[in-house]
Amino acid sequence: MRYPKWRNTFLLLVISLAIMASLVNGRRRKNRNRKRSSNSRYMSDFAVRRNFVIVSGDIYFGALIQIHNGGRNDICGNLSHTAILELEALLYTVEMINIHTSLLPGIKLGVYVRDTCADPDHALKQALTIMEGRYSESPRWSYRCRGGEIAKSLLPTINGIITSIDSPAANVQAASLLQLFRLPQINAKSRSPLLRTVGRFPYLHHSVPTYFQQLNIVIELLKHLKWSYINVIFEDSEYGAWLTYKLQEILRNNHVCIAANIMIPPFSNTLGKKQSYDMIATRLLRHPLARGVLIVTESDETAAAIIAGVKRQGGSRRIAFLGIGWGKNIKYSGIENELAGTVPHWEKILTTFSPSLCSKSK
């Protein structure tokens, strides 16, 4: 590997980012003015077809994030609110590392972020663009200064890259490209088994667990809490059915019994949703000895509605909720006391953030 000295630091950074991003919630409040630290200098271009952010530093890593949703004809779509939180979490983490100089004495960490626009082909182009500064000594643009000197390239030399991409196809394309250059890569989002084939991507590391690892973590939590009797709620989808099937097998092997195994039905209207969630809550409360409820869904909205339904039935104080696949952007208005595990300091950063005062937006 070309830069083995920085691998541990890079892994530490990404793990910290992944933990923070996974705990980010979607609460919206009125913004109050707050100035960011002036230690970082931002350069940004938010044109429709080319989106990037550069934080200057001595050592750079790249990041591919879906800042916009997909569009037509290679044109990016609308902004992704979830991705904005991920981007801000990344920039905040880099800023905190640079402020705490004991982590990297005498070294400032930089980052070069490109927008994938939720498109595999576009993501591959952005990965190639990130790589340009690593292997090109010549300036990216042949501008000349007034004194005759050739302007330096704005593209930094990248020592590693984070990919936060939903699409399995885009992840495989990016990993295939980056391994040709022996560039360390951290997958911060995808759980696709295609990325975990032994020996296929030797420079690819993961900061997100596989589904099986998630299930094992749940089992360890149940053992720690000494719960041997729980309720399971799962969504009506291929994801929910498959994961619940595997979960039941693992629970049996670990002597954990299921009081109620409840499938979340499809909904056609708002009234039907509320009534159905109340019915789910009623079924849960029929088993008072089952204090734990495991919710298997990829929808934050669904998880929040289930918790709210239990609260309406007066059972939230004697039931604890565990989640697989949800919780990152849950809207917790009205169920604040039922949720735990978010990061208060990060919430304060989000709710006091003012785009007009952010130096990277100028």
Protein backbone atom coordinates (compact mmCIF):
# COMPACT_ATOMS: atom_id res chain seq x y z
CA MET A 1 0.00 0.00 0.00
CA ARG A 2 1.32 3.41 -0.89
CA TYR A 3 0.39 5.20 2.35
CA PRO A 4 0.27 2.51 5.08
CA LYS A 5 1.27 5.06 7.72
CA TRP A 6 -2.12 6.77 7.51
CA ARG A 7 -4.37 3.71 7.33
CA ASN A 8 -5.16 3.52 11.07
CA THR A 9 -5.93 7.23 11.23
CA PHE A 10 -8.08 6.98 8.12
CA LEU A 11 -10.01 4.01 9.51
CA LEU A 12 -10.54 5.84 12.80
CA LEU A 13 -11.92 8.85 10.95
CA VAL A 14 -14.35 6.79 8.89
CA ILE A 15 -15.59 4.73 11.82
CA SER A 16 -16.24 7.94 13.73
CA LEU A 17 -18.08 9.36 10.72
CA ALA A 18 -20.18 6.23 10.31
CA ILE A 19 -21.18 6.19 13.98
CA MET A 20 -22.13 9.85 13.89
CA ALA A 21 -24.05 9.57 10.63
CA SER A 22 -25.94 6.49 11.82
CA LEU A 23 -27.17 8.39 14.86
CA VAL A 24 -28.20 11.57 13.04
CA ASN A 25 -31.91 12.24 13.43
CA GLY A 26 -34.20 14.18 11.15
CA ARG A 27 -35.51 16.70 13.63
CA ARG A 28 -36.08 20.13 12.11
CA ARG A 29 -36.02 23.32 14.20
CA LYS A 30 -35.70 26.98 13.35
CA ASN A 31 -32.09 27.77 12.62
CA ARG A 32 -30.23 30.15 14.91
CA ASN A 33 -27.11 31.93 13.77
CA ARG A 34 -23.89 30.13 14.50
CA LYS A 35 -20.48 30.68 12.92
CA ARG A 36 -18.33 27.70 12.06
CA SER A 37 -14.71 27.54 13.10
CA SER A 38 -12.48 29.45 10.71
CA ASN A 39 -9.79 26.76 10.89
CA SER A 40 -11.03 25.17 7.66
CA ARG A 41 -11.11 26.86 4.25
CA TYR A 42 -13.86 25.68 1.93
CA MET A 43 -14.05 25.91 -1.85
CA SER A 44 -17.29 24.79 -3.44
CA ASP A 45 -18.99 24.58 -6.81
CA PHE A 46 -22.69 23.74 -6.72
CA ALA A 47 -23.39 23.86 -10.45
CA VAL A 48 -26.03 21.40 -11.60
CA ARG A 49 -23.65 19.09 -13.43
CA ARG A 50 -20.60 19.38 -11.22
CA ASN A 51 -20.81 19.37 -7.44
CA PHE A 52 -17.92 19.18 -5.04
CA VAL A 53 -16.57 20.44 -1.72
CA ILE A 54 -12.88 20.72 -0.80
CA VAL A 55 -11.62 21.28 2.73
CA SER A 56 -7.95 22.22 2.55
CA GLY A 57 -5.38 20.19 4.46
CA ASP A 58 -1.99 18.47 4.41
CA ILE A 59 -3.35 14.93 3.97
CA TYR A 60 -6.46 14.45 1.83
CA PHE A 61 -9.04 11.72 1.52
CA GLY A 62 -11.89 11.63 -0.98
CA ALA A 63 -15.60 11.03 -0.45
CA LEU A 64 -18.39 10.00 -2.81
CA ILE A 65 -21.79 11.01 -1.39
CA GLN A 66 -25.23 11.19 -2.98
CA ILE A 67 -25.87 14.88 -2.36
CA HIS A 68 -28.56 15.06 -5.06
CA ASN A 69 -31.13 12.50 -6.11
CA GLY A 70 -31.08 11.08 -9.60
CA GLY A 71 -32.27 13.09 -12.58
CA ARG A 72 -32.49 12.87 -16.36
CA ASN A 73 -29.83 12.98 -19.05
CA ASP A 74 -26.90 13.17 -16.63
CA ILE A 75 -28.52 16.11 -14.82
CA CYS A 76 -28.74 15.79 -11.04
CA GLY A 77 -32.17 15.92 -9.40
CA ASN A 78 -33.32 17.47 -6.14
CA LEU A 79 -31.18 17.72 -3.03
CA SER A 80 -31.25 14.67 -0.76
CA HIS A 81 -31.98 15.83 2.80
CA THR A 82 -30.48 12.64 4.24
CA ALA A 83 -27.27 13.14 2.27
CA ILE A 84 -26.98 16.73 3.47
CA LEU A 85 -26.87 15.39 7.03
CA GLU A 86 -24.21 12.87 6.01
CA LEU A 87 -22.16 15.58 4.32
CA GLU A 88 -22.38 17.88 7.34
CA ALA A 89 -21.45 14.98 9.65
CA LEU A 90 -18.37 14.35 7.51
CA LEU A 91 -17.30 18.01 7.49
CA TYR A 92 -17.96 18.31 11.21
CA THR A 93 -15.85 15.20 11.95
CA VAL A 94 -12.94 16.52 9.91
CA GLU A 95 -13.24 19.88 11.64
CA MET A 96 -13.19 18.27 15.09
CA ILE A 97 -10.13 16.17 14.20
CA ASN A 98 -8.29 19.28 13.05
CA ILE A 99 -9.29 21.23 16.15
CA HIS A 100 -8.03 18.47 18.46
CA THR A 101 -4.43 18.67 17.32
CA SER A 102 -3.33 15.81 19.58
CA LEU A 103 -4.97 13.34 17.16
CA LEU A 104 -2.73 14.30 14.22
CA PRO A 105 0.08 16.48 15.63
CA GLY A 106 1.29 18.99 13.07
CA ILE A 107 -1.00 17.65 10.34
CA LYS A 108 -4.24 19.08 9.02
CA LEU A 109 -6.73 16.65 7.50
CA GLY A 110 -8.39 17.62 4.22
CA VAL A 111 -11.30 16.15 2.28
CA TYR A 112 -12.47 16.26 -1.33
CA VAL A 113 -16.19 15.42 -1.71
CA ARG A 114 -17.92 14.63 -5.01
CA ASP A 115 -21.64 14.18 -5.66
CA THR A 116 -22.78 10.84 -7.15
CA CYS A 117 -26.35 12.05 -7.89
CA ALA A 118 -27.67 8.52 -7.22
CA ASP A 119 -26.45 7.36 -10.62
CA PRO A 120 -23.88 4.53 -11.12
CA ASP A 121 -22.36 6.04 -14.27
CA HIS A 122 -22.15 9.50 -12.71
CA ALA A 123 -20.58 8.01 -9.56
CA LEU A 124 -17.90 6.34 -11.68
CA LYS A 125 -17.11 9.65 -13.39
CA GLN A 126 -16.80 11.36 -10.02
CA ALA A 127 -14.45 8.64 -8.78
CA LEU A 128 -12.25 9.22 -11.82
CA THR A 129 -12.28 12.96 -11.15
CA ILE A 130 -11.17 12.39 -7.56
CA MET A 131 -8.29 10.26 -8.84
CA GLU A 132 -6.97 12.97 -11.19
CA GLY A 133 -5.03 14.83 -8.52
CA ARG A 134 -3.37 11.62 -7.31
CA TYR A 135 -1.68 10.75 -10.58
CA SER A 136 -1.30 14.05 -12.36
CA GLU A 137 1.60 16.39 -11.63
CA SER A 138 0.47 18.89 -14.25
CA PRO A 139 -2.11 21.59 -13.45
CA ARG A 140 -5.75 20.67 -13.95
CA TRP A 141 -6.38 23.99 -15.70
CA SER A 142 -3.71 25.71 -17.79
CA TYR A 143 -4.30 29.16 -16.31
CA ARG A 144 -1.36 31.52 -15.91
CA CYS A 145 -0.98 34.09 -13.18
CA ARG A 146 -0.03 37.72 -13.86
CA GLY A 147 3.59 36.97 -13.01
CA GLY A 148 3.70 34.24 -15.65
CA GLU A 149 3.58 31.29 -13.24
CA ILE A 150 1.29 28.40 -14.09
CA ALA A 151 -1.58 28.15 -11.60
CA LYS A 152 -1.45 25.17 -9.28
CA SER A 153 -4.03 22.44 -9.65
CA LEU A 154 -7.07 22.71 -7.39
CA LEU A 155 -7.33 18.93 -7.26
CA PRO A 156 -5.63 17.43 -4.19
CA THR A 157 -3.67 14.18 -3.98
CA ILE A 158 -6.00 11.60 -2.46
CA ASN A 159 -4.68 8.98 0.00
CA GLY A 160 -7.95 7.11 0.57
CA ILE A 161 -11.64 7.39 -0.18
CA ILE A 162 -15.00 6.99 1.59
CA THR A 163 -18.00 5.84 -0.43
CA SER A 164 -21.50 6.50 0.91
CA ILE A 165 -23.52 5.07 -1.96
CA ASP A 166 -26.87 3.22 -1.84
CA SER A 167 -26.72 1.54 -5.25
CA PRO A 168 -25.00 -1.90 -5.21
CA ALA A 169 -24.05 -1.46 -8.88
CA ALA A 170 -22.42 1.92 -8.23
CA ASN A 171 -20.54 0.49 -5.24
CA VAL A 172 -19.15 -2.39 -7.27
CA GLN A 173 -18.10 -0.07 -10.11
CA ALA A 174 -16.34 2.32 -7.72
CA ALA A 175 -14.60 -0.51 -5.85
CA SER A 176 -13.46 -2.12 -9.11
CA LEU A 177 -11.96 1.16 -10.29
CA LEU A 178 -10.25 2.12 -7.04
CA GLN A 179 -8.61 -1.26 -6.53
CA LEU A 180 -6.80 -0.81 -9.86
CA PHE A 181 -4.95 2.09 -8.23
CA ARG A 182 -4.50 0.24 -4.92
CA LEU A 183 -6.32 3.03 -3.16
CA PRO A 184 -7.74 2.27 0.33
CA GLN A 185 -11.53 2.53 0.30
CA ILE A 186 -14.08 2.55 3.11
CA ASN A 187 -17.66 1.53 2.36
CA ALA A 188 -19.76 3.59 4.80
CA LYS A 189 -23.25 2.55 3.71
CA SER A 190 -23.81 -0.47 1.48
CA ARG A 191 -24.40 -3.94 2.95
CA SER A 192 -24.35 -5.62 -0.47
CA PRO A 193 -22.78 -9.11 -0.36
CA LEU A 194 -21.21 -8.35 -3.76
CA LEU A 195 -18.74 -6.07 -1.97
CA ARG A 196 -17.76 -8.72 0.57
CA THR A 197 -16.56 -11.50 -1.71
CA VAL A 198 -13.32 -12.75 -0.19
CA GLY A 199 -10.30 -11.61 -2.20
CA ARG A 200 -12.26 -9.61 -4.77
CA PHE A 201 -11.64 -6.15 -3.29
CA PRO A 202 -8.48 -6.33 -1.15
CA TYR A 203 -8.35 -2.56 -0.59
CA LEU A 204 -12.00 -2.24 0.45
CA HIS A 205 -12.97 -2.01 4.12
CA HIS A 206 -16.41 -1.70 5.70
CA SER A 207 -17.69 0.48 8.54
CA VAL A 208 -21.23 -0.91 8.32
CA PRO A 209 -22.13 -4.41 9.54
CA THR A 210 -23.63 -7.11 7.37
CA TYR A 211 -27.17 -8.25 8.07
CA PHE A 212 -25.82 -11.31 9.87
CA GLN A 213 -23.58 -9.14 12.01
CA GLN A 214 -26.60 -6.99 12.87
CA LEU A 215 -28.52 -10.05 13.98
CA ASN A 216 -25.61 -11.23 16.11
CA ILE A 217 -25.43 -7.78 17.73
CA VAL A 218 -29.14 -8.01 18.56
CA ILE A 219 -28.57 -11.41 20.17
CA GLU A 220 -25.73 -10.03 22.27
CA LEU A 221 -27.97 -7.16 23.38
CA LEU A 222 -30.72 -9.57 24.36
CA LYS A 223 -28.24 -11.65 26.36
CA HIS A 224 -26.90 -8.54 28.07
CA LEU A 225 -30.43 -7.41 28.97
CA LYS A 226 -31.34 -11.00 29.97
CA TRP A 227 -34.41 -11.02 27.75
CA SER A 228 -35.60 -14.44 26.66
CA TYR A 229 -39.12 -13.40 25.61
CA ILE A 230 -39.65 -10.67 22.98
CA ASN A 231 -42.02 -9.38 20.29
CA VAL A 232 -40.97 -9.06 16.65
CA ILE A 233 -42.51 -6.62 14.15
CA PHE A 234 -41.39 -6.81 10.51
CA GLU A 235 -42.31 -5.02 7.30
CA ASP A 236 -44.10 -6.72 4.41
CA SER A 237 -41.16 -6.80 2.02
CA GLU A 238 -38.44 -9.13 0.80
CA TYR A 239 -36.02 -7.46 3.21
CA GLY A 240 -38.34 -7.81 6.21
CA ALA A 241 -39.40 -11.39 5.49
CA TRP A 242 -35.87 -12.67 4.81
CA LEU A 243 -34.30 -10.96 7.81
CA THR A 244 -37.09 -12.09 10.13
CA TYR A 245 -36.74 -15.68 8.91
CA LYS A 246 -33.03 -15.64 9.72
CA LEU A 247 -33.73 -13.89 13.02
CA GLN A 248 -36.18 -16.57 14.13
CA GLU A 249 -33.57 -19.25 13.46
CA ILE A 250 -30.91 -17.41 15.46
CA LEU A 251 -33.33 -16.69 18.32
CA ARG A 252 -34.26 -20.37 18.58
CA ASN A 253 -30.60 -21.37 18.71
CA ASN A 254 -30.09 -18.91 21.57
CA HIS A 255 -33.19 -19.98 23.52
CA VAL A 256 -35.12 -16.73 22.96
CA CYS A 257 -38.87 -17.11 22.50
CA ILE A 258 -41.11 -14.87 20.38
CA ALA A 259 -44.36 -13.80 22.01
CA ALA A 260 -45.85 -12.23 18.88
CA ASN A 261 -44.52 -12.18 15.33
CA ILE A 262 -46.35 -9.28 13.66
CA MET A 263 -46.16 -8.29 10.00
CA ILE A 264 -46.77 -4.62 9.18
CA PRO A 265 -49.56 -4.60 6.56
CA PRO A 266 -49.52 -2.34 3.49
CA PHE A 267 -51.50 0.88 3.93
CA SER A 268 -53.70 2.82 1.51
CA ASN A 269 -54.66 5.92 3.49
CA THR A 270 -53.68 7.90 6.58
CA LEU A 271 -56.68 6.76 8.66
CA GLY A 272 -55.94 3.14 7.87
CA LYS A 273 -52.33 3.63 8.91
CA LYS A 274 -53.20 5.01 12.35
CA GLN A 275 -55.79 2.33 13.07
CA SER A 276 -53.42 -0.42 11.96
CA TYR A 277 -50.60 0.89 14.15
CA ASP A 278 -52.99 1.02 17.10
CA MET A 279 -53.93 -2.60 16.42
CA ILE A 280 -50.25 -3.55 16.35
CA ALA A 281 -49.75 -1.78 19.69
CA THR A 282 -52.73 -3.63 21.17
CA ARG A 283 -51.27 -6.98 20.12
CA LEU A 284 -47.93 -6.07 21.69
CA LEU A 285 -49.52 -5.12 25.00
CA ARG A 286 -51.24 -8.51 25.23
CA HIS A 287 -47.86 -9.93 26.22
CA PRO A 288 -46.77 -7.92 29.28
CA LEU A 289 -43.86 -10.25 30.03
CA ALA A 290 -42.28 -9.49 26.64
CA ARG A 291 -40.62 -6.16 27.41
CA GLY A 292 -38.49 -6.05 24.27
CA VAL A 293 -39.85 -5.23 20.82
CA LEU A 294 -37.62 -5.77 17.81
CA ILE A 295 -38.72 -3.69 14.80
CA VAL A 296 -37.37 -4.94 11.46
CA THR A 297 -37.94 -2.26 8.82
CA GLU A 298 -35.98 0.09 6.59
CA SER A 299 -38.53 2.87 7.09
CA ASP A 300 -37.93 5.45 9.82
CA GLU A 301 -41.51 6.65 9.35
CA THR A 302 -42.89 3.17 10.03
CA ALA A 303 -40.78 2.70 13.16
CA ALA A 304 -41.83 6.11 14.51
CA ALA A 305 -45.51 5.32 13.83
CA ILE A 306 -45.26 2.01 15.72
CA ILE A 307 -43.65 3.71 18.72
CA ALA A 308 -46.30 6.46 18.63
CA GLY A 309 -49.05 3.82 18.50
CA VAL A 310 -47.68 2.09 21.60
CA LYS A 311 -47.51 5.46 23.34
CA ARG A 312 -51.17 6.17 22.50
CA GLN A 313 -52.06 2.85 24.11
CA GLY A 314 -50.15 3.82 27.26
CA GLY A 315 -47.52 1.11 26.96
CA SER A 316 -44.35 2.99 26.06
CA ARG A 317 -43.05 3.06 29.64
CA ARG A 318 -42.89 -0.72 29.91
CA ILE A 319 -41.66 -1.57 26.43
CA ALA A 320 -38.16 -1.13 25.03
CA PHE A 321 -37.61 -0.93 21.27
CA LEU A 322 -34.68 -2.38 19.36
CA GLY A 323 -34.16 -1.65 15.67
CA ILE A 324 -32.66 -3.19 12.57
CA GLY A 325 -32.47 -0.94 9.51
CA TRP A 326 -34.01 2.24 10.93
CA GLY A 327 -33.27 5.12 13.28
CA LYS A 328 -30.92 7.37 11.30
CA ASN A 329 -33.43 10.03 10.25
CA ILE A 330 -36.41 9.26 12.41
CA LYS A 331 -38.82 12.14 13.09
CA TYR A 332 -39.26 11.95 16.84
CA SER A 333 -41.75 14.76 17.43
CA GLY A 334 -44.08 13.50 20.16
CA ILE A 335 -41.99 10.43 21.05
CA GLU A 336 -38.89 12.14 22.45
CA ASN A 337 -38.99 10.19 25.72
CA GLU A 338 -39.24 6.86 23.90
CA LEU A 339 -36.05 7.33 21.86
CA ALA A 340 -32.50 7.04 23.14
CA GLY A 341 -29.04 6.84 21.64
CA THR A 342 -28.87 10.06 19.63
CA VAL A 343 -25.94 12.46 19.93
CA PRO A 344 -27.01 15.67 21.75
CA HIS A 345 -23.94 17.65 20.67
CA TRP A 346 -24.52 16.81 17.00
CA GLU A 347 -28.17 17.80 17.33
CA LYS A 348 -27.08 21.19 18.66
CA ILE A 349 -24.78 21.66 15.67
CA LEU A 350 -27.64 20.94 13.25
CA THR A 351 -30.22 23.11 14.97
CA THR A 352 -27.93 26.14 15.27
CA PHE A 353 -26.46 25.87 11.79
CA SER A 354 -26.97 28.86 9.47
CA PRO A 355 -26.16 28.39 5.76
CA SER A 356 -25.66 32.14 5.32
CA LEU A 357 -22.77 32.06 7.78
CA CYS A 358 -21.16 28.84 6.61
CA SER A 359 -17.84 29.58 4.92
CA LYS A 360 -18.09 26.63 2.56
CA SER A 361 -21.33 27.98 1.10
CA LYS A 362 -19.80 31.27 0.04
